[in-house]
PDB file of all heavy atoms in Angstrom:
ATOM      1  N   MET A   1      22.922 -10.061 -74.426  1.00  0.00           N
ATOM      2  CA  MET A   1      21.892  -9.515 -73.548  1.00  0.00           C
ATOM      3  C   MET A   1      22.363  -9.296 -72.127  1.00  0.00           C
ATOM      4  O   MET A   1      21.939  -8.392 -71.418  1.00  0.00           O
ATOM      5  CB  MET A   1      20.639 -10.392 -73.562  1.00  0.00           C
ATOM      6  CG  MET A   1      19.839 -10.317 -74.853  1.00  0.00           C
ATOM      7  SD  MET A   1      19.232  -8.650 -75.240  1.00  0.00           S
ATOM      8  CE  MET A   1      20.461  -8.135 -76.446  1.00  0.00           C
ATOM      9  N   GLY A   2      23.285 -10.178 -71.650  1.00  0.00           N
ATOM     10  CA  GLY A   2      23.780 -10.025 -70.297  1.00  0.00           C
ATOM     11  C   GLY A   2      24.534  -8.684 -70.176  1.00  0.00           C
ATOM     12  O   GLY A   2      24.357  -7.986 -69.163  1.00  0.00           O
ATOM     13  N   LEU A   3      25.334  -8.338 -71.180  1.00  0.00           N
ATOM     14  CA  LEU A   3      26.045  -7.061 -71.127  1.00  0.00           C
ATOM     15  C   LEU A   3      25.042  -5.897 -71.202  1.00  0.00           C
ATOM     16  O   LEU A   3      25.181  -4.907 -70.452  1.00  0.00           O
ATOM     17  CB  LEU A   3      27.015  -6.954 -72.321  1.00  0.00           C
ATOM     18  CG  LEU A   3      27.790  -5.648 -72.450  1.00  0.00           C
ATOM     19  CD1 LEU A   3      28.683  -5.421 -71.242  1.00  0.00           C
ATOM     20  CD2 LEU A   3      28.582  -5.649 -73.742  1.00  0.00           C
ATOM     21  N   VAL A   4      24.059  -5.961 -72.074  1.00  0.00           N
ATOM     22  CA  VAL A   4      23.065  -4.891 -72.187  1.00  0.00           C
ATOM     23  C   VAL A   4      22.332  -4.644 -70.878  1.00  0.00           C
ATOM     24  O   VAL A   4      22.180  -3.528 -70.420  1.00  0.00           O
ATOM     25  CB  VAL A   4      22.059  -5.226 -73.314  1.00  0.00           C
ATOM     26  CG1 VAL A   4      20.902  -4.228 -73.277  1.00  0.00           C
ATOM     27  CG2 VAL A   4      22.735  -5.242 -74.673  1.00  0.00           C
ATOM     28  N   MET A   5      21.891  -5.737 -70.220  1.00  0.00           N
ATOM     29  CA  MET A   5      21.120  -5.599 -69.013  1.00  0.00           C
ATOM     30  C   MET A   5      21.970  -5.039 -67.869  1.00  0.00           C
ATOM     31  O   MET A   5      21.447  -4.359 -66.979  1.00  0.00           O
ATOM     32  CB  MET A   5      20.541  -6.954 -68.621  1.00  0.00           C
ATOM     33  CG  MET A   5      19.527  -7.505 -69.590  1.00  0.00           C
ATOM     34  SD  MET A   5      18.126  -6.373 -69.811  1.00  0.00           S
ATOM     35  CE  MET A   5      17.660  -6.704 -71.526  1.00  0.00           C
ATOM     36  N   ARG A   6      23.272  -5.271 -67.878  1.00  0.00           N
ATOM     37  CA  ARG A   6      24.110  -4.808 -66.805  1.00  0.00           C
ATOM     38  C   ARG A   6      24.720  -3.410 -67.073  1.00  0.00           C
ATOM     39  O   ARG A   6      24.974  -2.645 -66.127  1.00  0.00           O
ATOM     40  CB  ARG A   6      25.246  -5.793 -66.535  1.00  0.00           C
ATOM     41  CG  ARG A   6      24.742  -7.140 -66.021  1.00  0.00           C
ATOM     42  CD  ARG A   6      25.846  -8.197 -66.050  1.00  0.00           C
ATOM     43  NE  ARG A   6      26.933  -7.867 -65.109  1.00  0.00           N
ATOM     44  CZ  ARG A   6      28.083  -8.525 -65.127  1.00  0.00           C
ATOM     45  NH1 ARG A   6      28.315  -9.480 -65.990  1.00  0.00           N
ATOM     46  NH2 ARG A   6      29.023  -8.208 -64.237  1.00  0.00           N
ATOM     47  N   ALA A   7      24.918  -3.080 -68.337  1.00  0.00           N
ATOM     48  CA  ALA A   7      25.614  -1.808 -68.697  1.00  0.00           C
ATOM     49  C   ALA A   7      24.650  -0.677 -68.915  1.00  0.00           C
ATOM     50  O   ALA A   7      25.001   0.480 -68.749  1.00  0.00           O
ATOM     51  CB  ALA A   7      26.454  -2.016 -69.925  1.00  0.00           C
ATOM     52  N   CYS A   8      23.407  -0.977 -69.295  1.00  0.00           N
ATOM     53  CA  CYS A   8      22.487   0.066 -69.781  1.00  0.00           C
ATOM     54  C   CYS A   8      21.411   0.404 -68.756  1.00  0.00           C
ATOM     55  O   CYS A   8      20.895  -0.487 -68.068  1.00  0.00           O
ATOM     56  CB  CYS A   8      21.807  -0.376 -71.092  1.00  0.00           C
ATOM     57  SG  CYS A   8      22.971  -0.776 -72.420  1.00  0.00           S
ATOM     58  N   SER A   9      21.006   1.671 -68.726  1.00  0.00           N
ATOM     59  CA  SER A   9      19.870   2.100 -67.931  1.00  0.00           C
ATOM     60  C   SER A   9      18.628   2.269 -68.778  1.00  0.00           C
ATOM     61  O   SER A   9      17.511   2.476 -68.279  1.00  0.00           O
ATOM     62  CB  SER A   9      20.212   3.420 -67.217  1.00  0.00           C
ATOM     63  OG  SER A   9      20.534   4.422 -68.179  1.00  0.00           O
ATOM     64  N   HIS A  10      18.777   2.194 -70.095  1.00  0.00           N
ATOM     65  CA  HIS A  10      17.730   2.492 -71.076  1.00  0.00           C
ATOM     66  C   HIS A  10      17.954   1.577 -72.255  1.00  0.00           C
ATOM     67  O   HIS A  10      19.101   1.398 -72.717  1.00  0.00           O
ATOM     68  CB  HIS A  10      17.828   3.978 -71.482  1.00  0.00           C
ATOM     69  CG  HIS A  10      16.902   4.416 -72.570  1.00  0.00           C
ATOM     70  ND1 HIS A  10      17.074   5.589 -73.248  1.00  0.00           N
ATOM     71  CD2 HIS A  10      15.776   3.838 -73.100  1.00  0.00           C
ATOM     72  CE1 HIS A  10      16.138   5.733 -74.138  1.00  0.00           C
ATOM     73  NE2 HIS A  10      15.345   4.708 -74.046  1.00  0.00           N
ATOM     74  N   VAL A  11      16.913   0.954 -72.743  1.00  0.00           N
ATOM     75  CA  VAL A  11      17.019   0.026 -73.883  1.00  0.00           C
ATOM     76  C   VAL A  11      15.951   0.365 -74.899  1.00  0.00           C
ATOM     77  O   VAL A  11      14.769   0.586 -74.516  1.00  0.00           O
ATOM     78  CB  VAL A  11      16.921  -1.455 -73.441  1.00  0.00           C
ATOM     79  CG1 VAL A  11      16.974  -2.383 -74.635  1.00  0.00           C
ATOM     80  CG2 VAL A  11      18.032  -1.798 -72.464  1.00  0.00           C
ATOM     81  N   VAL A  12      16.346   0.356 -76.181  1.00  0.00           N
ATOM     82  CA  VAL A  12      15.389   0.516 -77.266  1.00  0.00           C
ATOM     83  C   VAL A  12      15.464  -0.746 -78.121  1.00  0.00           C
ATOM     84  O   VAL A  12      16.567  -1.207 -78.448  1.00  0.00           O
ATOM     85  CB  VAL A  12      15.733   1.756 -78.118  1.00  0.00           C
ATOM     86  CG1 VAL A  12      14.810   1.845 -79.354  1.00  0.00           C
ATOM     87  CG2 VAL A  12      15.668   3.028 -77.289  1.00  0.00           C
ATOM     88  N   ALA A  13      14.331  -1.326 -78.452  1.00  0.00           N
ATOM     89  CA  ALA A  13      14.296  -2.533 -79.259  1.00  0.00           C
ATOM     90  C   ALA A  13      13.695  -2.278 -80.626  1.00  0.00           C
ATOM     91  O   ALA A  13      12.645  -1.583 -80.729  1.00  0.00           O
ATOM     92  CB  ALA A  13      13.489  -3.645 -78.573  1.00  0.00           C
ATOM     93  N   LEU A  14      14.325  -2.798 -81.659  1.00  0.00           N
ATOM     94  CA  LEU A  14      13.847  -2.687 -83.044  1.00  0.00           C
ATOM     95  C   LEU A  14      13.482  -4.075 -83.539  1.00  0.00           C
ATOM     96  O   LEU A  14      14.074  -5.072 -83.132  1.00  0.00           O
ATOM     97  CB  LEU A  14      14.914  -2.087 -83.940  1.00  0.00           C
ATOM     98  CG  LEU A  14      15.451  -0.704 -83.645  1.00  0.00           C
ATOM     99  CD1 LEU A  14      16.492  -0.300 -84.739  1.00  0.00           C
ATOM    100  CD2 LEU A  14      14.346   0.346 -83.577  1.00  0.00           C
ATOM    101  N   ALA A  15      12.561  -4.115 -84.458  1.00  0.00           N
ATOM    102  CA  ALA A  15      12.230  -5.356 -85.204  1.00  0.00           C
ATOM    103  C   ALA A  15      11.644  -4.941 -86.541  1.00  0.00           C
ATOM    104  O   ALA A  15      10.754  -4.055 -86.582  1.00  0.00           O
ATOM    105  CB  ALA A  15      11.216  -6.210 -84.447  1.00  0.00           C
ATOM    106  N   ALA A  16      12.169  -5.505 -87.609  1.00  0.00           N
ATOM    107  CA  ALA A  16      11.674  -5.229 -88.962  1.00  0.00           C
ATOM    108  C   ALA A  16      11.666  -3.737 -89.255  1.00  0.00           C
ATOM    109  O   ALA A  16      10.777  -3.221 -89.920  1.00  0.00           O
ATOM    110  CB  ALA A  16      10.286  -5.813 -89.183  1.00  0.00           C
ATOM    111  N   GLY A  17      12.658  -3.014 -88.721  1.00  0.00           N
ATOM    112  CA  GLY A  17      12.811  -1.598 -89.001  1.00  0.00           C
ATOM    113  C   GLY A  17      11.942  -0.640 -88.186  1.00  0.00           C
ATOM    114  O   GLY A  17      11.921   0.550 -88.460  1.00  0.00           O
ATOM    115  N   SER A  18      11.222  -1.184 -87.171  1.00  0.00           N
ATOM    116  CA  SER A  18      10.350  -0.344 -86.366  1.00  0.00           C
ATOM    117  C   SER A  18      10.727  -0.435 -84.898  1.00  0.00           C
ATOM    118  O   SER A  18      11.274  -1.436 -84.422  1.00  0.00           O
ATOM    119  CB  SER A  18       8.879  -0.788 -86.542  1.00  0.00           C
ATOM    120  OG  SER A  18       8.443  -0.602 -87.840  1.00  0.00           O
ATOM    121  N   THR A  19      10.431   0.621 -84.152  1.00  0.00           N
ATOM    122  CA  THR A  19      10.622   0.609 -82.704  1.00  0.00           C
ATOM    123  C   THR A  19       9.510  -0.184 -82.067  1.00  0.00           C
ATOM    124  O   THR A  19       8.344   0.116 -82.226  1.00  0.00           O
ATOM    125  CB  THR A  19      10.570   2.056 -82.168  1.00  0.00           C
ATOM    126  OG1 THR A  19      11.381   2.925 -82.945  1.00  0.00           O
ATOM    127  CG2 THR A  19      11.071   2.112 -80.705  1.00  0.00           C
ATOM    128  N   ILE A  20       9.859  -1.221 -81.310  1.00  0.00           N
ATOM    129  CA  ILE A  20       8.806  -2.069 -80.716  1.00  0.00           C
ATOM    130  C   ILE A  20       8.802  -1.960 -79.175  1.00  0.00           C
ATOM    131  O   ILE A  20       7.830  -2.370 -78.558  1.00  0.00           O
ATOM    132  CB  ILE A  20       8.985  -3.566 -81.109  1.00  0.00           C
ATOM    133  CG1 ILE A  20      10.323  -4.122 -80.695  1.00  0.00           C
ATOM    134  CG2 ILE A  20       8.724  -3.718 -82.619  1.00  0.00           C
ATOM    135  CD1 ILE A  20      10.423  -5.639 -80.841  1.00  0.00           C
ATOM    136  N   ALA A  21       9.866  -1.394 -78.582  1.00  0.00           N
ATOM    137  CA  ALA A  21       9.895  -1.233 -77.150  1.00  0.00           C
ATOM    138  C   ALA A  21      10.932  -0.176 -76.784  1.00  0.00           C
ATOM    139  O   ALA A  21      11.914  -0.011 -77.489  1.00  0.00           O
ATOM    140  CB  ALA A  21      10.195  -2.541 -76.410  1.00  0.00           C
ATOM    141  N   ASP A  22      10.693   0.532 -75.677  1.00  0.00           N
ATOM    142  CA  ASP A  22      11.570   1.617 -75.256  1.00  0.00           C
ATOM    143  C   ASP A  22      11.362   1.844 -73.764  1.00  0.00           C
ATOM    144  O   ASP A  22      10.258   2.201 -73.346  1.00  0.00           O
ATOM    145  CB  ASP A  22      11.221   2.877 -76.037  1.00  0.00           C
ATOM    146  CG  ASP A  22      12.164   4.060 -75.751  1.00  0.00           C
ATOM    147  OD1 ASP A  22      12.903   4.007 -74.772  1.00  0.00           O
ATOM    148  OD2 ASP A  22      12.129   5.020 -76.554  1.00  0.00           O
ATOM    149  N   GLY A  23      12.365   1.517 -72.971  1.00  0.00           N
ATOM    150  CA  GLY A  23      12.221   1.655 -71.526  1.00  0.00           C
ATOM    151  C   GLY A  23      13.416   1.202 -70.772  1.00  0.00           C
ATOM    152  O   GLY A  23      14.526   1.133 -71.323  1.00  0.00           O
ATOM    153  N   THR A  24      13.219   0.805 -69.515  1.00  0.00           N
ATOM    154  CA  THR A  24      14.326   0.280 -68.737  1.00  0.00           C
ATOM    155  C   THR A  24      14.649  -1.125 -69.225  1.00  0.00           C
ATOM    156  O   THR A  24      13.830  -1.783 -69.882  1.00  0.00           O
ATOM    157  CB  THR A  24      13.941   0.226 -67.245  1.00  0.00           C
ATOM    158  OG1 THR A  24      12.887  -0.764 -67.081  1.00  0.00           O
ATOM    159  CG2 THR A  24      13.478   1.563 -66.728  1.00  0.00           C
ATOM    160  N   PRO A  25      15.843  -1.671 -68.906  1.00  0.00           N
ATOM    161  CA  PRO A  25      16.147  -3.053 -69.297  1.00  0.00           C
ATOM    162  C   PRO A  25      15.071  -4.050 -68.860  1.00  0.00           C
ATOM    163  O   PRO A  25      14.664  -4.922 -69.628  1.00  0.00           O
ATOM    164  CB  PRO A  25      17.481  -3.300 -68.642  1.00  0.00           C
ATOM    165  CG  PRO A  25      18.119  -1.969 -68.550  1.00  0.00           C
ATOM    166  CD  PRO A  25      17.005  -1.010 -68.255  1.00  0.00           C
ATOM    167  N   ALA A  26      14.587  -3.940 -67.624  1.00  0.00           N
ATOM    168  CA  ALA A  26      13.617  -4.880 -67.114  1.00  0.00           C
ATOM    169  C   ALA A  26      12.286  -4.764 -67.901  1.00  0.00           C
ATOM    170  O   ALA A  26      11.663  -5.762 -68.241  1.00  0.00           O
ATOM    171  CB  ALA A  26      13.356  -4.647 -65.642  1.00  0.00           C
ATOM    172  N   GLN A  27      11.882  -3.541 -68.220  1.00  0.00           N
ATOM    173  CA  GLN A  27      10.640  -3.339 -68.970  1.00  0.00           C
ATOM    174  C   GLN A  27      10.758  -3.939 -70.363  1.00  0.00           C
ATOM    175  O   GLN A  27       9.824  -4.623 -70.829  1.00  0.00           O
ATOM    176  CB  GLN A  27      10.343  -1.829 -69.059  1.00  0.00           C
ATOM    177  CG  GLN A  27       9.882  -1.211 -67.779  1.00  0.00           C
ATOM    178  CD  GLN A  27       9.844   0.315 -67.855  1.00  0.00           C
ATOM    179  OE1 GLN A  27      10.508   0.921 -68.673  1.00  0.00           O
ATOM    180  NE2 GLN A  27       9.059   0.927 -66.971  1.00  0.00           N
ATOM    181  N   VAL A  28      11.846  -3.693 -71.037  1.00  0.00           N
ATOM    182  CA  VAL A  28      12.002  -4.163 -72.393  1.00  0.00           C
ATOM    183  C   VAL A  28      12.157  -5.678 -72.409  1.00  0.00           C
ATOM    184  O   VAL A  28      11.617  -6.354 -73.295  1.00  0.00           O
ATOM    185  CB  VAL A  28      13.234  -3.487 -73.062  1.00  0.00           C
ATOM    186  CG1 VAL A  28      13.554  -4.128 -74.388  1.00  0.00           C
ATOM    187  CG2 VAL A  28      12.933  -2.016 -73.239  1.00  0.00           C
ATOM    188  N   GLN A  29      12.846  -6.250 -71.445  1.00  0.00           N
ATOM    189  CA  GLN A  29      13.093  -7.677 -71.399  1.00  0.00           C
ATOM    190  C   GLN A  29      11.767  -8.478 -71.320  1.00  0.00           C
ATOM    191  O   GLN A  29      11.660  -9.561 -71.881  1.00  0.00           O
ATOM    192  CB  GLN A  29      13.992  -8.014 -70.214  1.00  0.00           C
ATOM    193  CG  GLN A  29      14.504  -9.463 -70.228  1.00  0.00           C
ATOM    194  CD  GLN A  29      15.504  -9.663 -69.102  1.00  0.00           C
ATOM    195  OE1 GLN A  29      15.362  -9.103 -68.007  1.00  0.00           O
ATOM    196  NE2 GLN A  29      16.543 -10.448 -69.389  1.00  0.00           N
ATOM    197  N   ARG A  30      10.782  -7.932 -70.619  1.00  0.00           N
ATOM    198  CA  ARG A  30       9.516  -8.630 -70.508  1.00  0.00           C
ATOM    199  C   ARG A  30       8.436  -8.141 -71.432  1.00  0.00           C
ATOM    200  O   ARG A  30       7.287  -8.580 -71.330  1.00  0.00           O
ATOM    201  CB  ARG A  30       9.036  -8.587 -69.043  1.00  0.00           C
ATOM    202  CG  ARG A  30       8.741  -7.166 -68.511  1.00  0.00           C
ATOM    203  CD  ARG A  30       8.163  -7.230 -67.102  1.00  0.00           C
ATOM    204  NE  ARG A  30       7.885  -5.923 -66.568  1.00  0.00           N
ATOM    205  CZ  ARG A  30       8.681  -5.279 -65.737  1.00  0.00           C
ATOM    206  NH1 ARG A  30       9.810  -5.847 -65.352  1.00  0.00           N
ATOM    207  NH2 ARG A  30       8.394  -4.048 -65.297  1.00  0.00           N
ATOM    208  N   ASP A  31       8.770  -7.195 -72.308  1.00  0.00           N
ATOM    209  CA  ASP A  31       7.799  -6.693 -73.246  1.00  0.00           C
ATOM    210  C   ASP A  31       7.348  -7.798 -74.242  1.00  0.00           C
ATOM    211  O   ASP A  31       8.201  -8.441 -74.837  1.00  0.00           O
ATOM    212  CB  ASP A  31       8.395  -5.519 -74.037  1.00  0.00           C
ATOM    213  CG  ASP A  31       7.381  -4.789 -74.878  1.00  0.00           C
ATOM    214  OD1 ASP A  31       6.933  -5.357 -75.900  1.00  0.00           O
ATOM    215  OD2 ASP A  31       7.002  -3.629 -74.520  1.00  0.00           O
ATOM    216  N   PRO A  32       6.055  -8.022 -74.414  1.00  0.00           N
ATOM    217  CA  PRO A  32       5.613  -9.088 -75.310  1.00  0.00           C
ATOM    218  C   PRO A  32       6.063  -8.902 -76.746  1.00  0.00           C
ATOM    219  O   PRO A  32       6.267  -9.880 -77.479  1.00  0.00           O
ATOM    220  CB  PRO A  32       4.077  -9.057 -75.194  1.00  0.00           C
ATOM    221  CG  PRO A  32       3.770  -7.693 -74.636  1.00  0.00           C
ATOM    222  CD  PRO A  32       4.921  -7.319 -73.752  1.00  0.00           C
ATOM    223  N   ASN A  33       6.224  -7.671 -77.226  1.00  0.00           N
ATOM    224  CA  ASN A  33       6.700  -7.442 -78.562  1.00  0.00           C
ATOM    225  C   ASN A  33       8.143  -7.918 -78.725  1.00  0.00           C
ATOM    226  O   ASN A  33       8.498  -8.510 -79.749  1.00  0.00           O
ATOM    227  CB  ASN A  33       6.631  -5.929 -78.896  1.00  0.00           C
ATOM    228  CG  ASN A  33       5.231  -5.419 -78.968  1.00  0.00           C
ATOM    229  OD1 ASN A  33       4.282  -6.173 -79.203  1.00  0.00           O
ATOM    230  ND2 ASN A  33       5.062  -4.144 -78.761  1.00  0.00           N
TER     231      ASN A  33
END
């Protein structure tokens, strides 16, 4: 996660085969999903 937060301007999160978050690293990091 340290590399992702520093290297990326955009992050997409998956869980159980579904998209659960899509945004900036800060937005995704604090997303309750």
